[in-house]
Amino acid sequence: MNIVYFREMDALYIELKPKDAETAWEPAPGITINYAANGEPVGVQIDQASERVDMDRLNIGNFPGTVETLTKQNPTH
């Protein structure tokens, strides 16, 4: 799973699985759920993220896998 903030688009993308999206559904304006060909959800995009999401902090609790942290200075995020 990856969480990436695209500053130039003000969009937050949560990649659930590293698969190509074949279809998308917008359950609410600015919220898009992407699905693989088999109907499995693979990602969620939140537009105008700075207005919709608390961007000051990210808490991860009891996550069973490895957690990697990228610095805010990383120009790709």
Protein backbone atom coordinates (compact mmCIF):
# COMPACT_ATOMS: atom_id res chain seq x y z
CA MET A 1 0.00 0.00 0.00
CA ASN A 2 1.24 3.49 -0.84
CA ILE A 3 -0.06 6.91 0.14
CA VAL A 4 1.13 9.79 -2.03
CA TYR A 5 0.25 13.48 -1.98
CA PHE A 6 0.56 15.25 -5.33
CA ARG A 7 1.09 18.86 -4.30
CA GLU A 8 0.74 20.30 -7.83
CA MET A 9 -2.73 18.69 -8.15
CA ASP A 10 -3.66 18.92 -4.44
CA ALA A 11 -4.62 15.24 -4.66
CA LEU A 12 -4.06 12.42 -2.20
CA TYR A 13 -3.83 8.93 -3.68
CA ILE A 14 -4.05 5.77 -1.60
CA GLU A 15 -2.83 2.81 -3.62
CA LEU A 16 -4.33 -0.33 -2.12
CA LYS A 17 -2.69 -2.78 -4.54
CA PRO A 18 -0.10 -2.24 -7.30
CA LYS A 19 -2.46 -3.15 -10.15
CA ASP A 20 -3.65 -1.14 -13.14
CA ALA A 21 -7.02 0.52 -12.80
CA GLU A 22 -9.51 -0.48 -15.49
CA THR A 23 -12.55 1.40 -14.22
CA ALA A 24 -13.32 4.16 -11.76
CA TRP A 25 -16.32 5.24 -9.71
CA GLU A 26 -16.86 8.68 -8.20
CA PRO A 27 -19.15 8.12 -5.19
CA ALA A 28 -18.93 11.83 -4.32
CA PRO A 29 -17.50 14.84 -6.14
CA GLY A 30 -13.71 14.75 -5.90
CA ILE A 31 -13.54 11.21 -4.50
CA THR A 32 -12.62 8.47 -6.99
CA ILE A 33 -12.28 4.74 -6.37
CA ASN A 34 -10.26 2.84 -8.97
CA TYR A 35 -10.91 -0.82 -9.76
CA ALA A 36 -8.87 -3.55 -11.46
CA ALA A 37 -10.34 -5.55 -14.34
CA ASN A 38 -11.58 -8.18 -11.88
CA GLY A 39 -13.57 -5.56 -9.90
CA GLU A 40 -11.11 -5.42 -7.02
CA PRO A 41 -10.54 -1.89 -5.62
CA VAL A 42 -6.93 -0.81 -6.21
CA GLY A 43 -6.88 2.85 -5.21
CA VAL A 44 -8.68 5.89 -3.88
CA GLN A 45 -8.04 9.45 -5.03
CA ILE A 46 -9.13 12.50 -3.04
CA ASP A 47 -9.08 15.79 -4.94
CA GLN A 48 -8.72 19.11 -3.08
CA ALA A 49 -7.07 17.03 -0.38
CA SER A 50 -5.79 20.01 1.61
CA GLU A 51 -9.42 21.06 2.13
CA ARG A 52 -10.80 17.57 2.89
CA VAL A 53 -8.07 15.78 4.83
CA ASP A 54 -6.09 16.69 7.94
CA MET A 55 -2.69 16.94 6.25
CA ASP A 56 -0.83 17.88 9.45
CA ARG A 57 -0.34 14.34 10.65
CA LEU A 58 -0.47 10.71 9.48
CA ASN A 59 -0.90 8.04 12.14
CA ILE A 60 -0.38 4.38 11.39
CA GLY A 61 -1.32 1.94 14.11
CA ASN A 62 -0.87 -1.81 14.33
CA PHE A 63 0.16 -2.07 10.67
CA PRO A 64 1.48 -5.61 10.13
CA GLY A 65 3.95 -4.75 7.35
CA THR A 66 7.01 -2.58 6.98
CA VAL A 67 6.46 1.17 7.27
CA GLU A 68 8.81 3.40 5.25
CA THR A 69 8.93 7.14 5.77
CA LEU A 70 9.83 9.65 3.07
CA THR A 71 10.86 13.14 4.12
CA LYS A 72 8.81 16.21 3.26
CA GLN A 73 11.80 17.48 1.30
CA ASN A 74 11.45 14.66 -1.24
CA PRO A 75 10.53 16.57 -4.44
CA THR A 76 8.49 13.70 -5.90
CA HIS A 77 5.87 13.81 -3.11
